[in-house]
Amino acid sequence: MATLYRKRLVPMECVELKDDVIVYQDADRIVTVWNTLKPKKEFSHGISYYVMNEGIKVSKFYRDDNSLTYIYVDIIDTEYNKEEDKFIFTDLIADVIVNEDGNYRVVDLDELADAFKSDIISKDYLVASLNRLNNLLLSIYSGSFKEYVKFIERFEANIKVI
């Protein structure tokens, strides 16, 4: 089974997601279920869908009672080391939060700008982040974002296995 890492640029860290359980994997997609690394009042566990060829990670965050807090979409870059069967998912800072009622908000664009200004994020990563964010927003506007959610729902029965 593959090893997964989350790499953040702000603050700079790379953490193995050793407690995440892979419930689905193919050449372009991975679905994991997980408990939070650091417990939070607003959510305790969730499910994440890495859409590697589109540069996004769609996560559903749940409270202790299994009710949905919100859907959180990270803009990511994926590196794969075949010899080690290791994925490194780099957070490209910009995110979108989607509520159950369909309302959404784009967050952390100020952090993205600051990271670029401070030479923390490269021009290539900045451009990739903005292009992927644009594609994500177009999928929300068109209604096709629901297909990501439907795909995740196929695996929600696995959430309590961890």
N, C-alpha and C. Protein backbone atom coordinates (compact mmCIF):
# COMPACT_ATOMS: atom_id res chain seq x y z
N MET A 1 0.85 -1.19 0.00
CA MET A 1 0.00 0.00 0.00
C MET A 1 0.89 1.24 0.00
N ALA A 2 0.48 2.24 -0.71
CA ALA A 2 1.25 3.48 -0.84
C ALA A 2 1.38 4.21 0.49
N THR A 3 2.45 4.97 0.61
CA THR A 3 2.65 5.86 1.75
C THR A 3 2.32 7.27 1.29
N LEU A 4 1.56 8.00 2.12
CA LEU A 4 1.11 9.35 1.77
C LEU A 4 1.75 10.37 2.69
N TYR A 5 2.11 11.52 2.10
CA TYR A 5 2.67 12.64 2.85
C TYR A 5 1.93 13.91 2.48
N ARG A 6 1.71 14.76 3.47
CA ARG A 6 1.16 16.10 3.24
C ARG A 6 2.30 17.09 3.43
N LYS A 7 2.58 17.86 2.38
CA LYS A 7 3.63 18.87 2.46
C LYS A 7 2.98 20.24 2.44
N ARG A 8 3.30 21.03 3.45
CA ARG A 8 2.83 22.41 3.50
C ARG A 8 4.01 23.34 3.23
N LEU A 9 3.70 24.45 2.59
CA LEU A 9 4.72 25.46 2.35
C LEU A 9 4.68 26.54 3.42
N VAL A 10 3.49 26.75 4.03
CA VAL A 10 3.31 27.73 5.10
C VAL A 10 2.51 27.08 6.22
N PRO A 11 3.08 26.72 7.35
CA PRO A 11 4.52 26.69 7.60
C PRO A 11 5.14 25.50 6.86
N MET A 12 6.43 25.56 6.61
CA MET A 12 7.12 24.50 5.88
C MET A 12 7.16 23.23 6.72
N GLU A 13 6.50 22.19 6.23
CA GLU A 13 6.52 20.89 6.92
C GLU A 13 6.10 19.81 5.95
N CYS A 14 6.56 18.60 6.21
CA CYS A 14 6.16 17.44 5.44
C CYS A 14 5.86 16.33 6.45
N VAL A 15 4.59 15.91 6.51
CA VAL A 15 4.13 14.98 7.53
C VAL A 15 3.59 13.72 6.87
N GLU A 16 4.05 12.57 7.34
CA GLU A 16 3.50 11.31 6.85
C GLU A 16 2.08 11.17 7.40
N LEU A 17 1.16 10.81 6.53
CA LEU A 17 -0.23 10.60 6.93
C LEU A 17 -0.40 9.13 7.31
N LYS A 18 0.36 8.71 8.31
CA LYS A 18 0.48 7.29 8.65
C LYS A 18 -0.81 6.68 9.18
N ASP A 19 -1.72 7.51 9.69
CA ASP A 19 -2.96 6.98 10.22
C ASP A 19 -4.11 7.03 9.21
N ASP A 20 -3.87 7.62 8.05
CA ASP A 20 -4.90 7.63 7.01
C ASP A 20 -5.03 6.22 6.43
N VAL A 21 -6.25 5.81 6.18
CA VAL A 21 -6.51 4.49 5.62
C VAL A 21 -6.95 4.67 4.17
N ILE A 22 -6.21 4.09 3.24
CA ILE A 22 -6.58 4.16 1.83
C ILE A 22 -7.70 3.15 1.58
N VAL A 23 -8.86 3.66 1.13
CA VAL A 23 -10.00 2.79 0.85
C VAL A 23 -10.22 2.60 -0.65
N TYR A 24 -9.53 3.41 -1.46
CA TYR A 24 -9.61 3.27 -2.91
C TYR A 24 -8.37 3.91 -3.52
N GLN A 25 -7.85 3.27 -4.57
CA GLN A 25 -6.72 3.85 -5.29
C GLN A 25 -6.72 3.33 -6.72
N ASP A 26 -6.56 4.26 -7.67
CA ASP A 26 -6.27 3.89 -9.04
C ASP A 26 -5.17 4.84 -9.54
N ALA A 27 -4.92 4.88 -10.82
CA ALA A 27 -3.79 5.66 -11.34
C ALA A 27 -3.94 7.16 -11.10
N ASP A 28 -5.17 7.66 -11.02
CA ASP A 28 -5.40 9.10 -10.91
C ASP A 28 -6.08 9.54 -9.62
N ARG A 29 -6.55 8.58 -8.82
CA ARG A 29 -7.36 8.94 -7.65
C ARG A 29 -7.00 8.09 -6.44
N ILE A 30 -7.10 8.71 -5.29
CA ILE A 30 -6.95 8.01 -4.02
C ILE A 30 -8.04 8.53 -3.09
N VAL A 31 -8.67 7.63 -2.36
CA VAL A 31 -9.64 8.01 -1.33
C VAL A 31 -9.13 7.47 0.00
N THR A 32 -9.11 8.35 1.00
CA THR A 32 -8.67 7.95 2.34
C THR A 32 -9.73 8.34 3.37
N VAL A 33 -9.75 7.60 4.47
CA VAL A 33 -10.52 8.00 5.65
C VAL A 33 -9.52 8.26 6.76
N TRP A 34 -9.86 9.19 7.67
CA TRP A 34 -8.88 9.63 8.65
C TRP A 34 -9.54 10.25 9.87
N ASN A 35 -8.77 10.27 10.94
CA ASN A 35 -9.10 11.07 12.12
C ASN A 35 -8.15 12.27 12.10
N THR A 36 -8.58 13.38 12.70
CA THR A 36 -7.73 14.56 12.70
C THR A 36 -6.42 14.29 13.42
N LEU A 37 -5.34 14.88 12.92
CA LEU A 37 -4.04 14.75 13.57
C LEU A 37 -4.04 15.49 14.91
N LYS A 38 -4.70 16.65 14.91
CA LYS A 38 -4.85 17.45 16.14
C LYS A 38 -6.34 17.66 16.35
N PRO A 39 -6.92 17.06 17.41
CA PRO A 39 -8.37 17.16 17.63
C PRO A 39 -8.88 18.60 17.63
N LYS A 40 -10.04 18.80 17.00
CA LYS A 40 -10.67 20.10 16.92
C LYS A 40 -12.13 19.96 17.35
N LYS A 41 -12.69 21.03 17.87
CA LYS A 41 -14.08 20.99 18.31
C LYS A 41 -15.05 20.85 17.12
N GLU A 42 -14.73 21.52 16.02
CA GLU A 42 -15.67 21.56 14.89
C GLU A 42 -15.68 20.30 14.03
N PHE A 43 -14.60 19.51 14.06
CA PHE A 43 -14.60 18.24 13.33
C PHE A 43 -13.56 17.30 13.93
N SER A 44 -13.82 15.99 13.74
CA SER A 44 -12.94 14.99 14.35
C SER A 44 -12.40 13.97 13.35
N HIS A 45 -13.06 13.84 12.21
CA HIS A 45 -12.66 12.83 11.23
C HIS A 45 -13.20 13.21 9.86
N GLY A 46 -12.78 12.43 8.85
CA GLY A 46 -13.26 12.75 7.52
C GLY A 46 -12.83 11.76 6.47
N ILE A 47 -13.12 12.14 5.26
CA ILE A 47 -12.78 11.35 4.08
C ILE A 47 -12.21 12.31 3.04
N SER A 48 -11.15 11.91 2.37
CA SER A 48 -10.51 12.76 1.37
C SER A 48 -10.39 12.04 0.04
N TYR A 49 -10.63 12.79 -1.01
CA TYR A 49 -10.56 12.29 -2.38
C TYR A 49 -9.50 13.10 -3.12
N TYR A 50 -8.36 12.47 -3.38
CA TYR A 50 -7.27 13.10 -4.11
C TYR A 50 -7.52 12.88 -5.60
N VAL A 51 -7.74 13.96 -6.33
CA VAL A 51 -7.93 13.90 -7.77
C VAL A 51 -6.62 14.42 -8.37
N MET A 52 -5.67 13.52 -8.49
CA MET A 52 -4.29 13.91 -8.78
C MET A 52 -4.12 14.60 -10.13
N ASN A 53 -4.83 14.12 -11.14
CA ASN A 53 -4.67 14.71 -12.48
C ASN A 53 -5.33 16.09 -12.60
N GLU A 54 -6.14 16.47 -11.60
CA GLU A 54 -6.77 17.79 -11.60
C GLU A 54 -6.17 18.72 -10.55
N GLY A 55 -5.31 18.18 -9.69
CA GLY A 55 -4.64 19.00 -8.69
C GLY A 55 -5.54 19.48 -7.57
N ILE A 56 -6.48 18.62 -7.15
CA ILE A 56 -7.35 18.99 -6.03
C ILE A 56 -7.50 17.82 -5.07
N LYS A 57 -7.80 18.16 -3.82
CA LYS A 57 -8.17 17.17 -2.81
C LYS A 57 -9.48 17.63 -2.21
N VAL A 58 -10.53 16.83 -2.38
CA VAL A 58 -11.86 17.14 -1.87
C VAL A 58 -12.05 16.34 -0.59
N SER A 59 -12.27 17.05 0.52
CA SER A 59 -12.42 16.38 1.81
C SER A 59 -13.75 16.74 2.45
N LYS A 60 -14.39 15.74 3.03
CA LYS A 60 -15.60 15.97 3.83
C LYS A 60 -15.18 15.86 5.29
N PHE A 61 -15.44 16.91 6.06
CA PHE A 61 -15.07 16.97 7.47
C PHE A 61 -16.32 16.71 8.31
N TYR A 62 -16.19 15.80 9.29
CA TYR A 62 -17.33 15.39 10.11
C TYR A 62 -17.10 15.67 11.59
N ARG A 63 -18.21 15.94 12.29
CA ARG A 63 -18.18 16.07 13.75
C ARG A 63 -18.20 14.68 14.36
N ASP A 64 -18.04 14.62 15.69
CA ASP A 64 -18.07 13.34 16.41
C ASP A 64 -19.35 12.54 16.14
N ASP A 65 -20.48 13.25 15.97
CA ASP A 65 -21.76 12.56 15.74
C ASP A 65 -21.95 12.15 14.28
N ASN A 66 -20.90 12.30 13.47
CA ASN A 66 -20.89 11.94 12.05
C ASN A 66 -21.68 12.91 11.16
N SER A 67 -22.08 14.06 11.70
CA SER A 67 -22.73 15.07 10.87
C SER A 67 -21.65 15.87 10.12
N LEU A 68 -22.00 16.30 8.93
CA LEU A 68 -21.05 17.00 8.07
C LEU A 68 -20.82 18.42 8.57
N THR A 69 -19.56 18.80 8.73
CA THR A 69 -19.21 20.18 9.05
C THR A 69 -19.19 21.00 7.77
N TYR A 70 -18.39 20.56 6.81
CA TYR A 70 -18.32 21.19 5.49
C TYR A 70 -17.42 20.35 4.58
N ILE A 71 -17.39 20.74 3.32
CA ILE A 71 -16.48 20.14 2.35
C ILE A 71 -15.35 21.14 2.14
N TYR A 72 -14.13 20.66 2.22
CA TYR A 72 -12.95 21.52 2.11
C TYR A 72 -12.14 21.03 0.92
N VAL A 73 -11.83 21.93 0.01
CA VAL A 73 -11.08 21.55 -1.18
C VAL A 73 -9.73 22.26 -1.18
N ASP A 74 -8.68 21.45 -1.13
CA ASP A 74 -7.31 21.95 -1.20
C ASP A 74 -6.84 21.91 -2.65
N ILE A 75 -6.11 22.93 -3.05
CA ILE A 75 -5.42 22.92 -4.33
C ILE A 75 -4.06 22.28 -4.05
N ILE A 76 -3.71 21.23 -4.80
CA ILE A 76 -2.51 20.46 -4.49
C ILE A 76 -1.65 20.22 -5.73
N ASP A 77 -0.43 19.82 -5.45
CA ASP A 77 0.47 19.28 -6.46
C ASP A 77 0.88 17.89 -5.97
N THR A 78 1.02 16.94 -6.87
CA THR A 78 1.33 15.57 -6.49
C THR A 78 2.67 15.13 -7.06
N GLU A 79 3.51 14.59 -6.19
CA GLU A 79 4.76 13.94 -6.60
C GLU A 79 4.62 12.47 -6.24
N TYR A 80 5.06 11.59 -7.14
CA TYR A 80 5.01 10.16 -6.85
C TYR A 80 6.39 9.54 -7.05
N ASN A 81 6.84 8.80 -6.05
CA ASN A 81 8.10 8.06 -6.13
C ASN A 81 7.72 6.60 -6.29
N LYS A 82 7.88 6.08 -7.50
CA LYS A 82 7.46 4.71 -7.81
C LYS A 82 8.26 3.67 -7.02
N GLU A 83 9.57 3.88 -6.89
CA GLU A 83 10.41 2.92 -6.17
C GLU A 83 9.97 2.73 -4.73
N GLU A 84 9.56 3.82 -4.09
CA GLU A 84 9.14 3.76 -2.68
C GLU A 84 7.63 3.68 -2.53
N ASP A 85 6.89 3.75 -3.64
CA ASP A 85 5.42 3.80 -3.63
C ASP A 85 4.97 4.88 -2.64
N LYS A 86 5.46 6.10 -2.88
CA LYS A 86 5.25 7.22 -1.97
C LYS A 86 4.67 8.40 -2.74
N PHE A 87 3.58 8.96 -2.20
CA PHE A 87 2.97 10.17 -2.74
C PHE A 87 3.25 11.33 -1.80
N ILE A 88 3.67 12.45 -2.36
CA ILE A 88 3.79 13.69 -1.59
C ILE A 88 2.81 14.68 -2.19
N PHE A 89 1.83 15.08 -1.38
CA PHE A 89 0.82 16.03 -1.81
C PHE A 89 1.18 17.40 -1.24
N THR A 90 1.59 18.31 -2.11
CA THR A 90 1.98 19.65 -1.67
C THR A 90 0.76 20.56 -1.72
N ASP A 91 0.46 21.19 -0.59
CA ASP A 91 -0.65 22.13 -0.47
C ASP A 91 -0.24 23.44 -1.15
N LEU A 92 -0.95 23.81 -2.20
CA LEU A 92 -0.65 25.03 -2.94
C LEU A 92 -1.41 26.23 -2.39
N ILE A 93 -1.81 26.15 -1.15
CA ILE A 93 -2.28 27.23 -0.29
C ILE A 93 -3.73 27.65 -0.53
N ALA A 94 -4.14 27.95 -1.75
CA ALA A 94 -5.52 28.37 -2.00
C ALA A 94 -6.47 27.21 -1.72
N ASP A 95 -7.60 27.52 -1.09
CA ASP A 95 -8.60 26.51 -0.73
C ASP A 95 -9.99 27.04 -1.00
N VAL A 96 -10.94 26.10 -1.08
CA VAL A 96 -12.35 26.46 -1.21
C VAL A 96 -13.13 25.65 -0.18
N ILE A 97 -14.01 26.33 0.55
CA ILE A 97 -14.89 25.66 1.51
C ILE A 97 -16.29 25.67 0.91
N VAL A 98 -16.90 24.49 0.83
CA VAL A 98 -18.24 24.34 0.26
C VAL A 98 -19.16 23.85 1.38
N ASN A 99 -20.23 24.61 1.62
CA ASN A 99 -21.20 24.23 2.64
C ASN A 99 -22.27 23.32 2.04
N GLU A 100 -23.00 22.63 2.92
CA GLU A 100 -24.05 21.71 2.46
C GLU A 100 -25.10 22.41 1.61
N ASP A 101 -25.36 23.70 1.88
CA ASP A 101 -26.38 24.43 1.13
C ASP A 101 -25.88 24.90 -0.23
N GLY A 102 -24.62 24.57 -0.57
CA GLY A 102 -24.06 24.95 -1.86
C GLY A 102 -23.28 26.25 -1.84
N ASN A 103 -23.41 27.03 -0.77
CA ASN A 103 -22.60 28.24 -0.66
C ASN A 103 -21.14 27.85 -0.53
N TYR A 104 -20.28 28.69 -1.04
CA TYR A 104 -18.85 28.39 -0.99
C TYR A 104 -18.08 29.68 -0.77
N ARG A 105 -16.85 29.51 -0.34
CA ARG A 105 -15.96 30.67 -0.23
C ARG A 105 -14.53 30.23 -0.53
N VAL A 106 -13.82 31.10 -1.19
CA VAL A 106 -12.40 30.89 -1.49
C VAL A 106 -11.62 31.47 -0.33
N VAL A 107 -10.64 30.72 0.17
CA VAL A 107 -9.86 31.19 1.32
C VAL A 107 -8.36 31.09 1.04
N ASP A 108 -7.63 31.85 1.79
CA ASP A 108 -6.16 31.82 1.83
C ASP A 108 -5.47 32.42 0.61
N LEU A 109 -6.19 33.21 -0.18
CA LEU A 109 -5.52 33.86 -1.31
C LEU A 109 -4.49 34.89 -0.83
N ASP A 110 -4.76 35.49 0.33
CA ASP A 110 -3.78 36.42 0.90
C ASP A 110 -2.49 35.68 1.27
N GLU A 111 -2.64 34.47 1.82
CA GLU A 111 -1.46 33.66 2.15
C GLU A 111 -0.69 33.27 0.88
N LEU A 112 -1.43 32.97 -0.18
CA LEU A 112 -0.79 32.61 -1.46
C LEU A 112 0.03 33.79 -1.98
N ALA A 113 -0.56 34.99 -1.94
CA ALA A 113 0.16 36.19 -2.40
C ALA A 113 1.38 36.46 -1.53
N ASP A 114 1.21 36.35 -0.21
CA ASP A 114 2.34 36.58 0.71
C ASP A 114 3.45 35.56 0.48
N ALA A 115 3.08 34.31 0.24
CA ALA A 115 4.08 33.25 0.01
C ALA A 115 4.86 33.53 -1.27
N PHE A 116 4.18 34.02 -2.29
CA PHE A 116 4.88 34.35 -3.53
C PHE A 116 5.80 35.55 -3.33
N LYS A 117 5.28 36.57 -2.65
CA LYS A 117 6.07 37.78 -2.39
C LYS A 117 7.32 37.47 -1.56
N SER A 118 7.22 36.47 -0.69
CA SER A 118 8.33 36.09 0.19
C SER A 118 9.20 34.98 -0.40
N ASP A 119 8.97 34.62 -1.66
CA ASP A 119 9.73 33.56 -2.34
C ASP A 119 9.58 32.19 -1.68
N ILE A 120 8.46 31.96 -1.02
CA ILE A 120 8.18 30.65 -0.43
C ILE A 120 7.58 29.72 -1.48
N ILE A 121 6.83 30.31 -2.40
CA ILE A 121 6.19 29.53 -3.47
C ILE A 121 6.72 30.03 -4.81
N SER A 122 7.02 29.10 -5.69
CA SER A 122 7.58 29.46 -7.00
C SER A 122 6.50 30.03 -7.92
N LYS A 123 6.93 30.68 -8.98
CA LYS A 123 6.01 31.19 -9.99
C LYS A 123 5.21 30.04 -10.59
N ASP A 124 5.87 28.91 -10.86
CA ASP A 124 5.17 27.75 -11.44
C ASP A 124 4.07 27.25 -10.51
N TYR A 125 4.37 27.15 -9.20
CA TYR A 125 3.35 26.72 -8.24
C TYR A 125 2.22 27.74 -8.14
N LEU A 126 2.56 29.03 -8.17
CA LEU A 126 1.53 30.08 -8.11
C LEU A 126 0.58 29.95 -9.30
N VAL A 127 1.15 29.82 -10.49
CA VAL A 127 0.33 29.69 -11.70
C VAL A 127 -0.51 28.42 -11.64
N ALA A 128 0.09 27.31 -11.22
CA ALA A 128 -0.66 26.05 -11.10
C ALA A 128 -1.80 26.20 -10.10
N SER A 129 -1.53 26.83 -8.97
CA SER A 129 -2.55 27.02 -7.95
C SER A 129 -3.73 27.82 -8.49
N LEU A 130 -3.44 28.92 -9.16
CA LEU A 130 -4.51 29.77 -9.69
C LEU A 130 -5.28 29.08 -10.82
N ASN A 131 -4.60 28.37 -11.70
CA ASN A 131 -5.29 27.65 -12.77
C ASN A 131 -6.19 26.55 -12.21
N ARG A 132 -5.69 25.80 -11.23
CA ARG A 132 -6.49 24.73 -10.63
C ARG A 132 -7.66 25.30 -9.85
N LEU A 133 -7.44 26.42 -9.17
CA LEU A 133 -8.53 27.09 -8.46
C LEU A 133 -9.60 27.53 -9.46
N ASN A 134 -9.19 28.11 -10.57
CA ASN A 134 -10.13 28.54 -11.60
C ASN A 134 -10.95 27.35 -12.12
N ASN A 135 -10.29 26.24 -12.41
CA ASN A 135 -11.01 25.05 -12.89
C ASN A 135 -11.99 24.53 -11.84
N LEU A 136 -11.58 24.55 -10.58
CA LEU A 136 -12.47 24.13 -9.50
C LEU A 136 -13.69 25.03 -9.42
N LEU A 137 -13.49 26.33 -9.47
CA LEU A 137 -14.62 27.26 -9.42
C LEU A 137 -15.55 27.07 -10.61
N LEU A 138 -14.99 26.83 -11.79
CA LEU A 138 -15.84 26.56 -12.96
C LEU A 138 -16.69 25.31 -12.74
N SER A 139 -16.13 24.29 -12.07
CA SER A 139 -16.91 23.07 -11.81
C SER A 139 -18.02 23.36 -10.79
N ILE A 140 -17.76 24.24 -9.84
CA ILE A 140 -18.81 24.63 -8.88
C ILE A 140 -19.91 25.39 -9.60
N TYR A 141 -19.54 26.37 -10.43
CA TYR A 141 -20.52 27.18 -11.16
C TYR A 141 -21.39 26.32 -12.07
N SER A 142 -20.79 25.34 -12.72
CA SER A 142 -21.52 24.53 -13.70
C SER A 142 -22.35 23.42 -13.05
N GLY A 143 -22.08 23.15 -11.78
CA GLY A 143 -22.79 22.06 -11.09
C GLY A 143 -22.07 20.73 -11.16
N SER A 144 -20.97 20.65 -11.92
CA SER A 144 -20.27 19.37 -12.04
C SER A 144 -19.46 19.00 -10.80
N PHE A 145 -19.27 19.94 -9.87
CA PHE A 145 -18.57 19.64 -8.62
C PHE A 145 -19.27 18.51 -7.87
N LYS A 146 -20.58 18.40 -8.05
CA LYS A 146 -21.36 17.35 -7.37
C LYS A 146 -20.83 15.95 -7.69
N GLU A 147 -20.20 15.79 -8.84
CA GLU A 147 -19.67 14.47 -9.21
C GLU A 147 -18.54 14.04 -8.28
N TYR A 148 -17.73 14.99 -7.81
CA TYR A 148 -16.69 14.65 -6.83
C TYR A 148 -17.34 14.15 -5.53
N VAL A 149 -18.38 14.85 -5.11
CA VAL A 149 -19.07 14.49 -3.87
C VAL A 149 -19.71 13.12 -4.01
N LYS A 150 -20.34 12.85 -5.15
CA LYS A 150 -20.95 11.54 -5.38
C LYS A 150 -19.91 10.43 -5.33
N PHE A 151 -18.73 10.69 -5.89
CA PHE A 151 -17.67 9.68 -5.86
C PHE A 151 -17.26 9.39 -4.42
N ILE A 152 -17.09 10.41 -3.61
CA ILE A 152 -16.74 10.24 -2.20
C ILE A 152 -17.81 9.43 -1.47
N GLU A 153 -19.06 9.71 -1.76
CA GLU A 153 -20.16 9.05 -1.04
C GLU A 153 -20.14 7.54 -1.20
N ARG A 154 -19.51 7.05 -2.26
CA ARG A 154 -19.39 5.59 -2.45
C ARG A 154 -18.58 4.94 -1.33
N PHE A 155 -17.75 5.73 -0.65
CA PHE A 155 -16.82 5.19 0.34
C PHE A 155 -17.13 5.63 1.77
N GLU A 156 -18.20 6.37 1.95
CA GLU A 156 -18.49 6.91 3.29
C GLU A 156 -18.78 5.84 4.33
N ALA A 157 -19.21 4.69 3.93
CA ALA A 157 -19.45 3.60 4.89
C ALA A 157 -18.16 3.20 5.60
N ASN A 158 -17.02 3.50 5.00
CA ASN A 158 -15.72 3.14 5.58
C ASN A 158 -15.23 4.13 6.64
N ILE A 159 -15.94 5.22 6.85
CA ILE A 159 -15.43 6.27 7.72
C ILE A 159 -15.17 5.79 9.13
N LYS A 160 -16.02 4.98 9.68
CA LYS A 160 -15.87 4.56 11.07
C LYS A 160 -14.93 3.37 11.25
N VAL A 161 -14.21 2.96 10.20
CA VAL A 161 -13.32 1.81 10.34
C VAL A 161 -12.02 2.14 11.05
N ILE A 162 -11.73 3.42 11.24
CA ILE A 162 -10.43 3.77 11.82
C ILE A 162 -10.50 4.14 13.28
